[in-house]
Amino acid sequence: MNKNIKLAVAGAVLALSASANAGIVIPAGDWTVDIGGNMNAFYTNTRFSGDLRTSGAPKTANTIQTGLLPSAFGIGAKTRQNDLDVAFQFSFFTGVDTGRGGSAGNNTLNIRQAFLSFGDKSWGQFKLGRDLGVFGSDAILSDMTLLGVGTAAGAGGNSTLGRIGSGYMYADWVGQIQYQSPNFSGFQVTGAVVEPQTNTPSLASNGYGSNSAIRHSMGFQGKATYDFAANDVTGRVWLGGTFQEQKYDTSSYGFWNTSNSYDSKGVEVGAKAQAGDFGIVGYYYDGEGLSGSRSALNGLNFRFGAESDDSGGYIQGTYTLPTKTKLGVSWGESRSEYQGSEFKNRSWVVGAYHPLTKHLNIVAEYTDQKLTNFESSVGAYDDDNLNGKAKTVSLGAILFF
């Protein structure tokens, strides 16, 4: 199984269960082909209140859907040539629902991984292509809802959000050129130049012509990690950062009657430890221009608008019963102060994760989410100051292969 699917599985395993993380390995001449992935499905029942219950919409949403980790099929291969470890990877992600629940509905196939890598353990590794981003990656890989559902259930699509936007920024799957250093007794450094994050509402949709005046520079992400083990205690601490220059020159359209450029930047710090049957994770991030919009999807890339002041984090604790059932509870919040108002996305998650086999887990979760001062959309002049709650009960299973 490729490295990031392995990391996702391993992160879920370390936090939650005893699932295996070995893929299907096939020797093929000079190459070793690796096939792996997961399949999951959940019944979710979400009750909405406040402004989350739009006019005419039902109070309760029931559906069968994929959880935070989309169902995935990955195929890659590796070999050793001229003193280099060489590899490539393609991974396909999808959901199990029928889109929006209509008759003869359909879902989408998303190719989130397509990269090559080469290197040696003596001097490090280069990766070129699309893969999980560096900033925020340890936060999502340590999230216990990786095996479950978390927030944003009931809306359809290839995945829910776990606690993306209510505890950490989304690492996303981005085009990048990444370098990772050798492992120096547990210490490792990773840096990447990434494609511009351009999740931006069109100016045309707001009556201001095209997006031709918007210029996004390349982004830079990095982190330092230290893995430790002492007696029965294992864990990791990490420190990361992200930076991207945002250049918006919309003065020719009369938009805000000024040029609007700023730097999106952020830092993160986290730690996790496992001591016997007990596990704990703590994470915090702080930055500016990371969200730029008070919407329910706070944390999904950089948003259009004036510079925001963003921060958040989460704490998580787990305990494994003698039955091997992992019990977990986590709390997290993301905040984005924008145009004089502070958006908050806060959630509690309580879960139980039981391994029926070394590959198969059954999962039950309860999520209580509260949104304060969110927008109904991410258009330029939305200023709704809406408030609402969503409470979700989910039950399902996830299989790794």
Protein backbone atom coordinates (compact mmCIF):
# COMPACT_ATOMS: atom_id res chain seq x y z
CA MET A 1 0.00 0.00 0.00
CA ASN A 2 1.36 3.44 -0.89
CA LYS A 3 2.84 5.69 1.78
CA ASN A 4 -0.05 8.07 2.42
CA ILE A 5 -2.75 5.41 2.39
CA LYS A 6 -0.47 3.53 4.80
CA LEU A 7 -0.16 6.68 6.91
CA ALA A 8 -3.91 7.13 6.90
CA VAL A 9 -4.46 3.53 7.92
CA ALA A 10 -1.61 3.62 10.43
CA GLY A 11 -2.91 6.86 11.93
CA ALA A 12 -6.33 5.30 12.30
CA VAL A 13 -4.81 2.10 13.64
CA LEU A 14 -2.64 3.82 16.24
CA ALA A 15 -5.51 5.99 17.40
CA LEU A 16 -8.32 3.53 17.15
CA SER A 17 -8.05 -0.14 16.30
CA ALA A 18 -6.01 -3.17 15.35
CA SER A 19 -6.65 -3.08 11.60
CA ALA A 20 -3.87 -4.32 9.35
CA ASN A 21 -2.13 -1.90 7.04
CA ALA A 22 -0.55 -4.30 4.60
CA GLY A 23 -1.62 -4.14 0.98
CA ILE A 24 -1.67 -6.86 -1.67
CA VAL A 25 1.96 -7.23 -2.81
CA ILE A 26 2.74 -8.77 -6.22
CA PRO A 27 6.32 -9.33 -7.51
CA ALA A 28 6.61 -8.28 -11.19
CA GLY A 29 10.10 -8.55 -12.63
CA ASP A 30 12.24 -5.70 -11.31
CA TRP A 31 9.18 -4.14 -9.70
CA THR A 32 7.03 -4.87 -6.67
CA VAL A 33 3.40 -3.94 -7.33
CA ASP A 34 1.36 -2.82 -4.32
CA ILE A 35 -2.46 -2.75 -4.33
CA GLY A 36 -4.45 -1.47 -1.37
CA GLY A 37 -7.26 0.73 -0.14
CA ASN A 38 -10.46 0.66 1.85
CA MET A 39 -14.21 0.35 1.55
CA ASN A 40 -16.59 1.91 4.07
CA ALA A 41 -20.26 2.77 4.42
CA PHE A 42 -22.33 4.33 7.21
CA TYR A 43 -25.94 4.95 8.08
CA THR A 44 -26.18 8.55 9.32
CA ASN A 45 -29.01 10.37 11.05
CA THR A 46 -28.50 14.14 11.35
CA ARG A 47 -30.86 16.53 13.15
CA PHE A 48 -30.55 20.20 12.20
CA SER A 49 -31.64 23.23 14.19
CA GLY A 50 -31.37 27.00 13.90
CA ASP A 51 -30.28 28.47 10.56
CA LEU A 52 -28.89 25.11 9.40
CA ARG A 53 -32.50 24.11 8.86
CA THR A 54 -33.24 26.06 5.69
CA SER A 55 -36.74 27.06 4.69
CA GLY A 56 -38.80 24.07 3.63
CA ALA A 57 -35.99 21.58 4.38
CA PRO A 58 -36.62 18.60 6.68
CA LYS A 59 -35.40 18.76 10.25
CA THR A 60 -33.75 15.33 9.95
CA ALA A 61 -31.55 13.87 7.21
CA ASN A 62 -31.09 10.09 6.87
CA THR A 63 -28.72 8.54 4.38
CA ILE A 64 -26.21 5.80 3.58
CA GLN A 65 -22.85 7.37 2.79
CA THR A 66 -19.07 7.23 2.97
CA GLY A 67 -17.30 8.60 6.04
CA LEU A 68 -14.34 10.96 6.37
CA LEU A 69 -11.97 8.56 4.60
CA PRO A 70 -13.38 8.05 1.08
CA SER A 71 -13.50 4.52 -0.25
CA ALA A 72 -10.25 4.09 -2.15
CA PHE A 73 -8.41 1.82 -4.55
CA GLY A 74 -4.71 2.45 -4.99
CA ILE A 75 -2.10 0.85 -7.21
CA GLY A 76 1.60 1.60 -7.20
CA ALA A 77 4.97 -0.02 -7.69
CA LYS A 78 8.52 0.37 -6.42
CA THR A 79 11.98 -0.77 -7.41
CA ARG A 80 15.66 -0.18 -6.63
CA GLN A 81 17.65 1.18 -9.58
CA ASN A 82 21.13 2.76 -9.68
CA ASP A 83 21.19 3.11 -5.88
CA LEU A 84 17.80 4.86 -5.93
CA ASP A 85 14.46 3.80 -4.48
CA VAL A 86 12.01 4.61 -7.29
CA ALA A 87 8.21 4.43 -7.00
CA PHE A 88 4.94 5.69 -8.46
CA GLN A 89 1.36 5.76 -7.20
CA PHE A 90 -2.19 6.27 -8.49
CA SER A 91 -5.17 6.22 -6.10
CA PHE A 92 -8.87 6.50 -6.91
CA PHE A 93 -11.40 7.71 -4.34
CA THR A 94 -15.18 7.57 -4.41
CA GLY A 95 -18.30 7.44 -2.26
CA VAL A 96 -21.04 4.87 -1.85
CA ASP A 97 -24.10 7.11 -2.01
CA THR A 98 -26.03 8.09 -5.16
CA GLY A 99 -25.05 11.74 -5.16
CA ARG A 100 -28.03 13.61 -3.74
CA GLY A 101 -30.29 10.61 -3.34
CA GLY A 102 -32.21 11.03 -6.59
CA SER A 103 -33.53 8.17 -8.68
CA ALA A 104 -30.78 6.51 -10.78
CA GLY A 105 -28.30 8.83 -9.14
CA ASN A 106 -24.56 8.61 -9.43
CA ASN A 107 -21.42 9.68 -7.60
CA THR A 108 -17.98 10.77 -8.77
CA LEU A 109 -14.51 9.25 -9.07
CA ASN A 110 -11.72 11.42 -7.69
CA ILE A 111 -8.05 10.73 -8.48
CA ARG A 112 -6.38 12.28 -5.44
CA GLN A 113 -2.95 10.68 -5.78
CA ALA A 114 -0.75 10.64 -8.87
CA PHE A 115 2.94 10.99 -8.11
CA LEU A 116 6.42 9.60 -8.54
CA SER A 117 9.16 9.47 -5.92
CA PHE A 118 12.87 8.72 -5.81
CA GLY A 119 15.56 8.82 -3.16
CA ASP A 120 17.67 6.89 -0.72
CA LYS A 121 17.54 6.53 3.04
CA SER A 122 21.02 8.05 3.25
CA TRP A 123 20.03 11.45 1.80
CA GLY A 124 16.23 11.58 1.68
CA GLN A 125 13.41 11.42 -0.85
CA PHE A 126 11.86 13.64 -3.54
CA LYS A 127 8.18 13.38 -4.47
CA LEU A 128 6.64 15.01 -7.56
CA GLY A 129 2.92 15.01 -8.30
CA ARG A 130 -0.37 15.11 -6.45
CA ASP A 131 -0.51 13.87 -2.85
CA LEU A 132 -1.61 14.90 0.63
CA GLY A 133 -0.35 18.35 1.62
CA VAL A 134 2.26 18.81 4.32
CA PHE A 135 0.57 21.45 6.52
CA GLY A 136 -2.22 19.85 8.57
CA SER A 137 -1.40 16.30 7.46
CA ASP A 138 -0.50 15.01 10.94
CA ALA A 139 -3.64 16.61 12.35
CA ILE A 140 -5.96 14.71 10.01
CA LEU A 141 -3.98 11.46 10.18
CA SER A 142 -4.27 11.57 14.00
CA ASP A 143 -8.02 12.30 13.98
CA MET A 144 -10.04 9.39 15.37
CA THR A 145 -12.93 10.15 12.96
CA LEU A 146 -10.67 8.96 10.13
CA LEU A 147 -12.35 5.60 10.71
CA GLY A 148 -15.76 7.21 11.09
CA VAL A 149 -17.92 10.17 10.07
CA GLY A 150 -17.60 13.25 12.28
CA THR A 151 -19.22 16.44 10.94
CA ALA A 152 -21.03 17.26 7.65
CA ALA A 153 -23.10 14.08 7.40
CA GLY A 154 -26.36 13.91 5.46
CA ALA A 155 -25.28 16.09 2.52
CA GLY A 156 -24.09 13.41 0.10
CA GLY A 157 -20.74 13.36 -1.67
CA ASN A 158 -17.59 11.28 -1.53
CA SER A 159 -16.82 11.97 2.12
CA THR A 160 -17.85 13.75 5.29
CA LEU A 161 -15.54 16.23 7.07
CA GLY A 162 -14.57 14.47 10.31
CA ARG A 163 -13.32 17.49 12.20
CA ILE A 164 -11.93 19.35 9.18
CA GLY A 165 -12.81 22.97 9.86
CA SER A 166 -13.60 22.28 13.51
CA GLY A 167 -10.11 21.67 14.82
CA TYR A 168 -7.71 21.84 11.87
CA MET A 169 -7.28 23.15 8.33
CA TYR A 170 -7.69 20.66 5.50
CA ALA A 171 -4.32 19.37 4.25
CA ASP A 172 -5.93 18.65 0.86
CA TRP A 173 -4.47 16.67 -2.04
CA VAL A 174 -2.29 19.08 -4.01
CA GLY A 175 0.27 19.13 -6.78
CA GLN A 176 3.68 19.53 -5.19
CA ILE A 177 7.42 19.01 -5.31
CA GLN A 178 8.32 17.67 -1.89
CA TYR A 179 11.57 16.76 -0.17
CA GLN A 180 11.77 14.63 2.99
CA SER A 181 15.04 14.29 4.86
CA PRO A 182 16.50 11.05 6.20
CA ASN A 183 15.35 9.94 9.63
CA PHE A 184 17.90 11.09 12.20
CA SER A 185 17.10 8.99 15.30
CA GLY A 186 13.42 9.93 15.06
CA PHE A 187 13.85 13.50 13.76
CA GLN A 188 12.77 14.32 10.22
CA VAL A 189 12.12 17.45 8.13
CA THR A 190 9.69 17.74 5.20
CA GLY A 191 9.30 20.70 2.84
CA ALA A 192 7.25 21.27 -0.29
CA VAL A 193 6.49 23.79 -3.00
CA VAL A 194 2.77 23.39 -3.74
CA GLU A 195 0.42 24.58 -6.45
CA PRO A 196 -1.57 27.73 -5.61
CA GLN A 197 -4.70 27.10 -3.56
CA THR A 198 -7.41 28.75 -5.64
CA ASN A 199 -10.73 27.76 -4.10
CA THR A 200 -12.20 31.14 -5.02
CA PRO A 201 -15.75 32.21 -5.95
CA SER A 202 -15.89 33.68 -9.44
CA LEU A 203 -15.97 37.45 -9.74
CA ALA A 204 -18.32 36.92 -12.66
CA SER A 205 -20.90 35.39 -10.31
CA ASN A 206 -20.86 38.65 -8.38
CA GLY A 207 -21.11 40.89 -11.44
CA TYR A 208 -17.45 41.85 -11.72
CA GLY A 209 -16.27 40.15 -14.88
CA SER A 210 -13.74 37.32 -14.91
CA ASN A 211 -11.10 36.15 -12.47
CA SER A 212 -8.32 37.34 -14.78
CA ALA A 213 -7.14 39.90 -12.20
CA ILE A 214 -6.53 37.23 -9.55
CA ARG A 215 -2.95 36.02 -9.23
CA HIS A 216 -1.96 33.22 -6.87
CA SER A 217 1.73 32.61 -6.21
CA MET A 218 3.15 29.19 -5.45
CA GLY A 219 2.75 28.03 -1.88
CA PHE A 220 5.32 26.73 0.57
CA GLN A 221 4.70 24.16 3.31
CA GLY A 222 6.98 22.45 5.77
CA LYS A 223 7.16 20.59 9.05
CA ALA A 224 9.61 19.03 11.48
CA THR A 225 8.66 15.84 13.32
CA TYR A 226 10.17 13.82 16.13
CA ASP A 227 9.04 10.26 16.83
CA PHE A 228 9.90 8.86 20.25
CA ALA A 229 9.63 5.62 22.18
CA ALA A 230 10.41 5.16 25.86
CA ASN A 231 9.39 2.01 27.72
CA ASP A 232 5.69 1.52 26.91
CA VAL A 233 5.18 5.09 25.65
CA THR A 234 5.39 5.98 21.95
CA GLY A 235 4.44 9.16 20.17
CA ARG A 236 5.24 12.11 17.95
CA VAL A 237 5.60 15.87 18.25
CA TRP A 238 5.56 18.17 15.23
CA LEU A 239 5.87 21.81 14.20
CA GLY A 240 4.74 23.05 10.78
CA GLY A 241 4.08 26.11 8.68
CA THR A 242 2.46 27.29 5.46
CA PHE A 243 2.82 30.42 3.31
CA GLN A 244 1.23 31.66 0.10
CA GLU A 245 1.15 35.14 -1.40
CA GLN A 246 -2.34 36.15 -2.56
CA LYS A 247 -2.54 38.89 -5.17
CA TYR A 248 -6.00 40.25 -5.94
CA ASP A 249 -6.10 43.33 -8.19
CA THR A 250 -9.80 43.95 -8.75
CA SER A 251 -9.67 47.74 -8.86
CA SER A 252 -10.49 47.76 -12.58
CA TYR A 253 -13.85 46.16 -11.74
CA GLY A 254 -14.60 48.56 -8.90
CA PHE A 255 -14.53 45.63 -6.49
CA TRP A 256 -14.03 47.15 -3.03
CA ASN A 257 -12.48 50.02 -5.10
CA THR A 258 -8.97 48.91 -4.22
CA SER A 259 -6.32 46.31 -4.82
CA ASN A 260 -6.57 43.59 -2.22
CA SER A 261 -3.42 41.53 -1.70
CA TYR A 262 -2.16 39.75 1.38
CA ASP A 263 -0.10 36.79 2.52
CA SER A 264 -1.79 33.61 3.70
CA LYS A 265 0.38 32.16 6.45
CA GLY A 266 0.02 29.81 9.39
CA VAL A 267 1.85 27.75 11.97
CA GLU A 268 0.88 24.51 13.70
CA VAL A 269 2.08 22.51 16.66
CA GLY A 270 0.93 19.07 17.76
CA ALA A 271 1.73 16.08 19.90
CA LYS A 272 0.36 12.58 20.35
CA ALA A 273 1.27 9.70 22.62
CA GLN A 274 0.21 6.13 23.28
CA ALA A 275 0.80 4.56 26.69
CA GLY A 276 -0.60 1.06 26.90
CA ASP A 277 -4.33 1.26 26.30
CA PHE A 278 -4.45 5.07 26.61
CA GLY A 279 -3.92 7.52 23.76
CA ILE A 280 -4.00 11.31 23.59
CA VAL A 281 -3.66 13.92 20.83
CA GLY A 282 -3.32 17.68 21.18
CA TYR A 283 -3.14 20.12 18.26
CA TYR A 284 -3.23 23.90 17.67
CA TYR A 285 -2.88 26.16 14.63
CA ASP A 286 -2.81 29.93 14.16
CA GLY A 287 -2.57 32.11 11.07
CA GLU A 288 -3.86 34.86 8.83
CA GLY A 289 -5.62 34.65 5.49
CA LEU A 290 -6.22 30.92 5.79
CA SER A 291 -9.99 31.03 5.45
CA GLY A 292 -11.20 34.43 4.33
CA SER A 293 -14.85 33.45 4.59
CA ARG A 294 -17.22 32.69 7.42
CA SER A 295 -18.82 29.60 5.93
CA ALA A 296 -19.70 26.12 7.18
CA LEU A 297 -16.71 24.82 5.19
CA ASN A 298 -14.18 26.92 7.06
CA GLY A 299 -10.75 25.41 6.60
CA LEU A 300 -11.10 24.05 3.06
CA ASN A 301 -8.29 25.90 1.30
CA PHE A 302 -7.90 29.64 0.92
CA ARG A 303 -11.09 31.64 0.41
CA PHE A 304 -11.77 34.81 -1.51
CA GLY A 305 -12.00 38.04 0.44
CA ALA A 306 -10.11 40.26 2.83
CA GLU A 307 -7.49 38.78 5.12
CA SER A 308 -8.93 36.77 7.99
CA ASP A 309 -7.48 36.00 11.42
CA ASP A 310 -7.69 32.22 11.92
CA SER A 311 -6.96 29.81 14.76
CA GLY A 312 -8.16 26.56 16.25
CA GLY A 313 -7.27 23.13 17.51
CA TYR A 314 -8.50 19.92 19.05
CA ILE A 315 -7.82 17.49 21.86
CA GLN A 316 -8.60 13.77 21.72
CA GLY A 317 -8.42 10.89 24.16
CA THR A 318 -8.89 7.17 23.56
CA TYR A 319 -8.96 4.01 25.65
CA THR A 320 -8.95 0.36 24.54
CA LEU A 321 -11.16 -2.05 26.45
CA PRO A 322 -10.18 -5.69 27.08
CA THR A 323 -12.58 -6.56 24.23
CA LYS A 324 -10.26 -4.56 21.88
CA THR A 325 -13.01 -1.96 21.42
CA LYS A 326 -11.50 1.51 21.20
CA LEU A 327 -13.50 4.27 22.91
CA GLY A 328 -12.71 7.86 22.02
CA VAL A 329 -13.82 11.40 22.73
CA SER A 330 -12.59 14.61 21.11
CA TRP A 331 -13.38 18.31 21.17
CA GLY A 332 -12.26 20.89 18.64
CA GLU A 333 -12.94 24.36 17.32
CA SER A 334 -11.91 26.56 14.39
CA ARG A 335 -12.29 30.34 14.49
CA SER A 336 -12.06 32.86 11.67
CA GLU A 337 -12.42 36.59 12.37
CA TYR A 338 -13.43 38.25 9.12
CA GLN A 339 -14.81 41.70 8.33
CA GLY A 340 -15.55 42.47 11.96
CA SER A 341 -17.32 39.22 12.84
CA GLU A 342 -15.95 35.95 14.21
CA PHE A 343 -17.06 32.66 12.73
CA LYS A 344 -16.81 29.58 14.98
CA ASN A 345 -17.16 25.92 14.10
CA ARG A 346 -17.13 23.80 17.25
CA SER A 347 -17.79 20.08 17.66
CA TRP A 348 -17.77 17.20 20.12
CA VAL A 349 -17.31 13.63 18.86
CA VAL A 350 -17.77 10.43 20.88
CA GLY A 351 -16.99 7.13 19.17
CA ALA A 352 -16.61 3.39 19.58
CA TYR A 353 -14.44 1.43 17.12
CA HIS A 354 -14.40 -2.36 17.30
CA PRO A 355 -12.18 -4.66 15.16
CA LEU A 356 -14.20 -7.67 14.03
CA THR A 357 -11.08 -8.90 12.20
CA LYS A 358 -7.61 -7.43 11.65
CA HIS A 359 -8.97 -5.79 8.48
CA LEU A 360 -12.60 -4.98 9.40
CA ASN A 361 -13.94 -2.49 11.96
CA ILE A 362 -17.47 -1.61 12.97
CA VAL A 363 -17.91 2.00 14.05
CA ALA A 364 -20.49 3.96 16.04
CA GLU A 365 -20.23 7.74 16.57
CA TYR A 366 -22.17 10.68 17.95
CA THR A 367 -21.24 14.20 16.79
CA ASP A 368 -22.54 17.49 18.20
CA GLN A 369 -21.61 20.49 16.01
CA LYS A 370 -22.33 24.19 16.57
CA LEU A 371 -21.78 26.92 13.97
CA THR A 372 -21.74 30.60 14.93
CA ASN A 373 -21.80 33.52 12.45
CA PHE A 374 -21.58 31.41 9.31
CA GLU A 375 -22.53 32.50 5.79
CA SER A 376 -25.11 30.90 3.55
CA SER A 377 -22.54 30.99 0.71
CA VAL A 378 -19.02 32.26 0.02
CA GLY A 379 -19.93 35.14 -2.28
CA ALA A 380 -18.18 38.45 -1.95
CA TYR A 381 -20.88 40.37 -0.10
CA ASP A 382 -22.50 37.67 2.04
CA ASP A 383 -22.71 38.80 5.64
CA ASP A 384 -25.44 36.63 7.08
CA ASN A 385 -24.29 36.01 10.67
CA LEU A 386 -26.23 32.75 10.79
CA ASN A 387 -26.20 30.24 13.67
CA GLY A 388 -27.14 26.59 13.82
CA LYS A 389 -26.49 23.11 15.19
CA ALA A 390 -26.19 19.63 13.71
CA LYS A 391 -26.32 16.44 15.76
CA THR A 392 -25.37 13.19 14.01
CA VAL A 393 -25.59 9.53 14.97
CA SER A 394 -23.69 7.19 12.64
CA LEU A 395 -23.22 3.43 12.47
CA GLY A 396 -21.27 1.48 9.87
CA ALA A 397 -18.14 -0.45 8.96
CA ILE A 398 -14.78 0.14 7.29
CA LEU A 399 -12.65 -2.55 5.62
CA PHE A 400 -8.95 -2.12 4.76
CA PHE A 401 -7.19 -4.31 2.20
